[in-house]
PDB file of N, CA and C in Angstrom:
ATOM      1  N   MET A   1      62.029 -51.648 -19.610  1.00  0.00           N
ATOM      2  CA  MET A   1      60.990 -52.666 -19.518  1.00  0.00           C
ATOM      3  C   MET A   1      61.029 -53.352 -18.150  1.00  0.00           C
ATOM      4  N   LEU A   2      62.231 -53.642 -17.675  1.00  0.00           N
ATOM      5  CA  LEU A   2      62.368 -54.309 -16.388  1.00  0.00           C
ATOM      6  C   LEU A   2      61.880 -53.407 -15.248  1.00  0.00           C
ATOM      7  N   LYS A   3      62.108 -52.099 -15.379  1.00  0.00           N
ATOM      8  CA  LYS A   3      61.640 -51.173 -14.344  1.00  0.00           C
ATOM      9  C   LYS A   3      60.120 -51.171 -14.256  1.00  0.00           C
ATOM     10  N   TRP A   4      59.440 -51.228 -15.412  1.00  0.00           N
ATOM     11  CA  TRP A   4      57.976 -51.239 -15.413  1.00  0.00           C
ATOM     12  C   TRP A   4      57.432 -52.520 -14.794  1.00  0.00           C
ATOM     13  N   ILE A   5      58.054 -53.640 -15.090  1.00  0.00           N
ATOM     14  CA  ILE A   5      57.606 -54.917 -14.515  1.00  0.00           C
ATOM     15  C   ILE A   5      57.812 -54.913 -13.005  1.00  0.00           C
ATOM     16  N   LEU A   6      58.967 -54.420 -12.566  1.00  0.00           N
ATOM     17  CA  LEU A   6      59.243 -54.345 -11.132  1.00  0.00           C
ATOM     18  C   LEU A   6      58.263 -53.401 -10.443  1.00  0.00           C
ATOM     19  N   THR A   7      57.978 -52.266 -11.064  1.00  0.00           N
ATOM     20  CA  THR A   7      57.014 -51.320 -10.497  1.00  0.00           C
ATOM     21  C   THR A   7      55.627 -51.948 -10.405  1.00  0.00           C
ATOM     22  N   LEU A   8      55.224 -52.663 -11.437  1.00  0.00           N
ATOM     23  CA  LEU A   8      53.919 -53.317 -11.437  1.00  0.00           C
ATOM     24  C   LEU A   8      53.831 -54.379 -10.342  1.00  0.00           C
ATOM     25  N   VAL A   9      54.861 -55.167 -10.171  1.00  0.00           N
ATOM     26  CA  VAL A   9      54.872 -56.205  -9.135  1.00  0.00           C
ATOM     27  C   VAL A   9      54.785 -55.576  -7.749  1.00  0.00           C
ATOM     28  N   ILE A  10      55.536 -54.523  -7.517  1.00  0.00           N
ATOM     29  CA  ILE A  10      55.505 -53.852  -6.218  1.00  0.00           C
ATOM     30  C   ILE A  10      54.135 -53.225  -5.967  1.00  0.00           C
ATOM     31  N   ALA A  11      53.536 -52.612  -6.998  1.00  0.00           N
ATOM     32  CA  ALA A  11      52.220 -51.997  -6.843  1.00  0.00           C
ATOM     33  C   ALA A  11      51.156 -53.045  -6.531  1.00  0.00           C
ATOM     34  N   ILE A  12      51.194 -54.176  -7.204  1.00  0.00           N
ATOM     35  CA  ILE A  12      50.224 -55.246  -6.941  1.00  0.00           C
ATOM     36  C   ILE A  12      50.418 -55.804  -5.541  1.00  0.00           C
ATOM     37  N   PHE A  13      51.658 -55.956  -5.119  1.00  0.00           N
ATOM     38  CA  PHE A  13      51.939 -56.450  -3.770  1.00  0.00           C
ATOM     39  C   PHE A  13      51.389 -55.496  -2.717  1.00  0.00           C
ATOM     40  N   LEU A  14      51.664 -54.197  -2.885  1.00  0.00           N
ATOM     41  CA  LEU A  14      51.172 -53.215  -1.914  1.00  0.00           C
ATOM     42  C   LEU A  14      49.652 -53.129  -1.912  1.00  0.00           C
ATOM     43  N   LEU A  15      49.041 -53.185  -3.083  1.00  0.00           N
ATOM     44  CA  LEU A  15      47.586 -53.162  -3.153  1.00  0.00           C
ATOM     45  C   LEU A  15      46.987 -54.392  -2.474  1.00  0.00           C
ATOM     46  N   GLY A  16      47.630 -55.531  -2.635  1.00  0.00           N
ATOM     47  CA  GLY A  16      47.157 -56.747  -1.981  1.00  0.00           C
ATOM     48  C   GLY A  16      47.236 -56.671  -0.468  1.00  0.00           C
ATOM     49  N   MET A  17      48.223 -55.935   0.035  1.00  0.00           N
ATOM     50  CA  MET A  17      48.345 -55.785   1.481  1.00  0.00           C
ATOM     51  C   MET A  17      47.384 -54.740   2.036  1.00  0.00           C
ATOM     52  N   VAL A  18      47.104 -53.706   1.260  1.00  0.00           N
ATOM     53  CA  VAL A  18      46.280 -52.597   1.736  1.00  0.00           C
ATOM     54  C   VAL A  18      44.792 -52.858   1.524  1.00  0.00           C
ATOM     55  N   ALA A  19      44.428 -53.578   0.482  1.00  0.00           N
ATOM     56  CA  ALA A  19      43.020 -53.761   0.120  1.00  0.00           C
ATOM     57  C   ALA A  19      42.158 -54.348   1.241  1.00  0.00           C
ATOM     58  N   PRO A  20      42.607 -55.376   1.970  1.00  0.00           N
ATOM     59  CA  PRO A  20      41.733 -55.894   3.037  1.00  0.00           C
ATOM     60  C   PRO A  20      41.435 -54.869   4.133  1.00  0.00           C
ATOM     61  N   HIS A  21      42.399 -53.987   4.418  1.00  0.00           N
ATOM     62  CA  HIS A  21      42.172 -52.974   5.447  1.00  0.00           C
ATOM     63  C   HIS A  21      41.251 -51.871   4.937  1.00  0.00           C
ATOM     64  N   LEU A  22      41.396 -51.516   3.677  1.00  0.00           N
ATOM     65  CA  LEU A  22      40.514 -50.505   3.095  1.00  0.00           C
ATOM     66  C   LEU A  22      39.111 -51.033   2.871  1.00  0.00           C
ATOM     67  N   ALA A  23      38.966 -52.339   2.749  1.00  0.00           N
ATOM     68  CA  ALA A  23      37.665 -52.940   2.466  1.00  0.00           C
ATOM     69  C   ALA A  23      36.656 -52.642   3.565  1.00  0.00           C
ATOM     70  N   ARG A  24      37.131 -52.495   4.775  1.00  0.00           N
ATOM     71  CA  ARG A  24      36.223 -52.192   5.879  1.00  0.00           C
ATOM     72  C   ARG A  24      35.646 -50.787   5.782  1.00  0.00           C
ATOM     73  N   PHE A  25      36.406 -49.876   5.192  1.00  0.00           N
ATOM     74  CA  PHE A  25      35.990 -48.478   5.162  1.00  0.00           C
ATOM     75  C   PHE A  25      35.243 -48.094   3.890  1.00  0.00           C
ATOM     76  N   ILE A  26      35.588 -48.685   2.746  1.00  0.00           N
ATOM     77  CA  ILE A  26      34.966 -48.252   1.493  1.00  0.00           C
ATOM     78  C   ILE A  26      34.029 -49.301   0.914  1.00  0.00           C
ATOM     79  N   ARG A  27      33.709 -50.321   1.663  1.00  0.00           N
ATOM     80  CA  ARG A  27      32.765 -51.367   1.237  1.00  0.00           C
ATOM     81  C   ARG A  27      33.218 -52.026  -0.065  1.00  0.00           C
ATOM     82  N   PHE A  28      34.498 -52.299  -0.160  1.00  0.00           N
ATOM     83  CA  PHE A  28      35.092 -52.941  -1.327  1.00  0.00           C
ATOM     84  C   PHE A  28      34.439 -54.294  -1.566  1.00  0.00           C
ATOM     85  N   GLY A  29      33.943 -54.515  -2.766  1.00  0.00           N
ATOM     86  CA  GLY A  29      33.334 -55.785  -3.123  1.00  0.00           C
ATOM     87  C   GLY A  29      31.879 -55.923  -2.744  1.00  0.00           C
ATOM     88  N   GLN A  30      31.255 -54.856  -2.284  1.00  0.00           N
ATOM     89  CA  GLN A  30      29.847 -54.928  -1.893  1.00  0.00           C
ATOM     90  C   GLN A  30      28.999 -53.905  -2.624  1.00  0.00           C
ATOM     91  N   LEU A  31      29.428 -53.523  -3.806  1.00  0.00           N
ATOM     92  CA  LEU A  31      28.661 -52.589  -4.619  1.00  0.00           C
ATOM     93  C   LEU A  31      27.599 -53.341  -5.403  1.00  0.00           C
ATOM     94  N   PRO A  32      26.568 -52.643  -5.880  1.00  0.00           N
ATOM     95  CA  PRO A  32      25.622 -53.307  -6.772  1.00  0.00           C
ATOM     96  C   PRO A  32      26.363 -53.750  -8.047  1.00  0.00           C
ATOM     97  N   GLY A  33      26.219 -54.971  -8.408  1.00  0.00           N
ATOM     98  CA  GLY A  33      26.944 -55.510  -9.552  1.00  0.00           C
ATOM     99  C   GLY A  33      28.070 -56.445  -9.148  1.00  0.00           C
ATOM    100  N   ASP A  34      28.352 -56.523  -7.856  1.00  0.00           N
ATOM    101  CA  ASP A  34      29.334 -57.474  -7.332  1.00  0.00           C
ATOM    102  C   ASP A  34      28.592 -58.730  -6.886  1.00  0.00           C
ATOM    103  N   PHE A  35      29.086 -59.858  -7.303  1.00  0.00           N
ATOM    104  CA  PHE A  35      28.412 -61.123  -7.019  1.00  0.00           C
ATOM    105  C   PHE A  35      29.130 -61.870  -5.908  1.00  0.00           C
ATOM    106  N   ASN A  36      28.364 -62.322  -4.919  1.00  0.00           N
ATOM    107  CA  ASN A  36      28.870 -63.163  -3.836  1.00  0.00           C
ATOM    108  C   ASN A  36      27.999 -64.405  -3.772  1.00  0.00           C
ATOM    109  N   PHE A  37      28.654 -65.557  -3.673  1.00  0.00           N
ATOM    110  CA  PHE A  37      27.881 -66.790  -3.554  1.00  0.00           C
ATOM    111  C   PHE A  37      28.665 -67.822  -2.761  1.00  0.00           C
ATOM    112  N   ARG A  38      27.906 -68.764  -2.203  1.00  0.00           N
ATOM    113  CA  ARG A  38      28.507 -69.864  -1.435  1.00  0.00           C
ATOM    114  C   ARG A  38      28.403 -71.140  -2.240  1.00  0.00           C
ATOM    115  N   PHE A  39      29.477 -71.921  -2.181  1.00  0.00           N
ATOM    116  CA  PHE A  39      29.495 -73.211  -2.856  1.00  0.00           C
ATOM    117  C   PHE A  39      30.324 -74.158  -2.017  1.00  0.00           C
ATOM    118  N   ARG A  40      29.675 -75.227  -1.542  1.00  0.00           N
ATOM    119  CA  ARG A  40      30.322 -76.237  -0.697  1.00  0.00           C
ATOM    120  C   ARG A  40      31.020 -75.635   0.520  1.00  0.00           C
ATOM    121  N   GLY A  41      30.341 -74.705   1.167  1.00  0.00           N
ATOM    122  CA  GLY A  41      30.846 -74.138   2.408  1.00  0.00           C
ATOM    123  C   GLY A  41      31.871 -73.026   2.243  1.00  0.00           C
ATOM    124  N   ARG A  42      32.202 -72.661   1.029  1.00  0.00           N
ATOM    125  CA  ARG A  42      33.148 -71.573   0.804  1.00  0.00           C
ATOM    126  C   ARG A  42      32.418 -70.388   0.196  1.00  0.00           C
ATOM    127  N   ARG A  43      32.925 -69.201   0.483  1.00  0.00           N
ATOM    128  CA  ARG A  43      32.331 -67.974  -0.052  1.00  0.00           C
ATOM    129  C   ARG A  43      33.207 -67.483  -1.199  1.00  0.00           C
ATOM    130  N   TYR A  44      32.592 -67.243  -2.332  1.00  0.00           N
ATOM    131  CA  TYR A  44      33.294 -66.747  -3.505  1.00  0.00           C
ATOM    132  C   TYR A  44      32.745 -65.366  -3.855  1.00  0.00           C
ATOM    133  N   ALA A  45      33.642 -64.473  -4.276  1.00  0.00           N
ATOM    134  CA  ALA A  45      33.238 -63.125  -4.654  1.00  0.00           C
ATOM    135  C   ALA A  45      33.739 -62.829  -6.058  1.00  0.00           C
ATOM    136  N   VAL A  46      32.869 -62.227  -6.854  1.00  0.00           N
ATOM    137  CA  VAL A  46      33.223 -61.778  -8.196  1.00  0.00           C
ATOM    138  C   VAL A  46      32.897 -60.285  -8.242  1.00  0.00           C
ATOM    139  N   PRO A  47      33.880 -59.419  -7.919  1.00  0.00           N
ATOM    140  CA  PRO A  47      33.604 -57.982  -7.808  1.00  0.00           C
ATOM    141  C   PRO A  47      33.660 -57.263  -9.161  1.00  0.00           C
ATOM    142  N   VAL A  48      32.632 -57.436  -9.968  1.00  0.00           N
ATOM    143  CA  VAL A  48      32.601 -56.855 -11.314  1.00  0.00           C
ATOM    144  C   VAL A  48      32.544 -55.330 -11.254  1.00  0.00           C
ATOM    145  N   ALA A  49      31.603 -54.771 -10.521  1.00  0.00           N
ATOM    146  CA  ALA A  49      31.435 -53.320 -10.458  1.00  0.00           C
ATOM    147  C   ALA A  49      32.638 -52.653  -9.798  1.00  0.00           C
ATOM    148  N   THR A  50      33.159 -53.247  -8.749  1.00  0.00           N
ATOM    149  CA  THR A  50      34.327 -52.689  -8.071  1.00  0.00           C
ATOM    150  C   THR A  50      35.531 -52.671  -9.003  1.00  0.00           C
ATOM    151  N   THR A  51      35.717 -53.733  -9.771  1.00  0.00           N
ATOM    152  CA  THR A  51      36.828 -53.799 -10.713  1.00  0.00           C
ATOM    153  C   THR A  51      36.699 -52.721 -11.780  1.00  0.00           C
ATOM    154  N   LEU A  52      35.496 -52.513 -12.276  1.00  0.00           N
ATOM    155  CA  LEU A  52      35.291 -51.476 -13.283  1.00  0.00           C
ATOM    156  C   LEU A  52      35.579 -50.078 -12.728  1.00  0.00           C
ATOM    157  N   ILE A  53      35.154 -49.815 -11.519  1.00  0.00           N
ATOM    158  CA  ILE A  53      35.393 -48.507 -10.905  1.00  0.00           C
ATOM    159  C   ILE A  53      36.881 -48.283 -10.680  1.00  0.00           C
ATOM    160  N   PHE A  54      37.590 -49.281 -10.139  1.00  0.00           N
ATOM    161  CA  PHE A  54      39.023 -49.131  -9.922  1.00  0.00           C
ATOM    162  C   PHE A  54      39.778 -49.001 -11.239  1.00  0.00           C
ATOM    163  N   SER A  55      39.345 -49.706 -12.262  1.00  0.00           N
ATOM    164  CA  SER A  55      39.984 -49.579 -13.573  1.00  0.00           C
ATOM    165  C   SER A  55      39.803 -48.173 -14.125  1.00  0.00           C
ATOM    166  N   LEU A  56      38.607 -47.629 -13.979  1.00  0.00           N
ATOM    167  CA  LEU A  56      38.350 -46.279 -14.433  1.00  0.00           C
ATOM    168  C   LEU A  56      39.199 -45.263 -13.670  1.00  0.00           C
ATOM    169  N   LEU A  57      39.291 -45.423 -12.359  1.00  0.00           N
ATOM    170  CA  LEU A  57      40.119 -44.516 -11.559  1.00  0.00           C
ATOM    171  C   LEU A  57      41.582 -44.593 -11.955  1.00  0.00           C
ATOM    172  N   LEU A  58      42.104 -45.789 -12.135  1.00  0.00           N
ATOM    173  CA  LEU A  58      43.500 -45.936 -12.546  1.00  0.00           C
ATOM    174  C   LEU A  58      43.736 -45.354 -13.933  1.00  0.00           C
ATOM    175  N   TRP A  59      42.769 -45.517 -14.831  1.00  0.00           N
ATOM    176  CA  TRP A  59      42.889 -44.943 -16.167  1.00  0.00           C
ATOM    177  C   TRP A  59      42.924 -43.413 -16.101  1.00  0.00           C
ATOM    178  N   LEU A  60      42.043 -42.840 -15.285  1.00  0.00           N
ATOM    179  CA  LEU A  60      42.029 -41.382 -15.130  1.00  0.00           C
ATOM    180  C   LEU A  60      43.328 -40.868 -14.537  1.00  0.00           C
ATOM    181  N   ILE A  61      43.865 -41.567 -13.552  1.00  0.00           N
ATOM    182  CA  ILE A  61      45.135 -41.171 -12.957  1.00  0.00           C
ATOM    183  C   ILE A  61      46.266 -41.260 -13.975  1.00  0.00           C
ATOM    184  N   SER A  62      46.264 -42.324 -14.750  1.00  0.00           N
ATOM    185  CA  SER A  62      47.334 -42.484 -15.749  1.00  0.00           C
ATOM    186  C   SER A  62      47.238 -41.418 -16.836  1.00  0.00           C
ATOM    187  N   ARG A  63      46.022 -41.011 -17.193  1.00  0.00           N
ATOM    188  CA  ARG A  63      45.851 -39.947 -18.196  1.00  0.00           C
ATOM    189  C   ARG A  63      46.287 -38.606 -17.643  1.00  0.00           C
ATOM    190  N   ALA A  64      46.113 -38.390 -16.334  1.00  0.00           N
ATOM    191  CA  ALA A  64      46.503 -37.128 -15.715  1.00  0.00           C
ATOM    192  C   ALA A  64      48.023 -36.994 -15.595  1.00  0.00           C
ATOM    193  N   ILE A  65      48.683 -38.134 -15.481  1.00  0.00           N
ATOM    194  CA  ILE A  65      50.153 -38.111 -15.357  1.00  0.00           C
ATOM    195  C   ILE A  65      50.716 -38.038 -16.733  1.00  0.00           C
TER     196      ILE A  65
END
């Protein structure tokens, strides 16, 4: 159980570091279905479609393994 938690933490950390760099190339967060809005001078993003696509990809990868 501890190995899975450690693996999950490391994977989330690495994804957090890599995602901003990949965002420039794959248009992360700018798909149809992703919501962006400004409120009091700040920009907020709700990437619904991107989250669904990444969830589907991770599910397919996990099923293949």
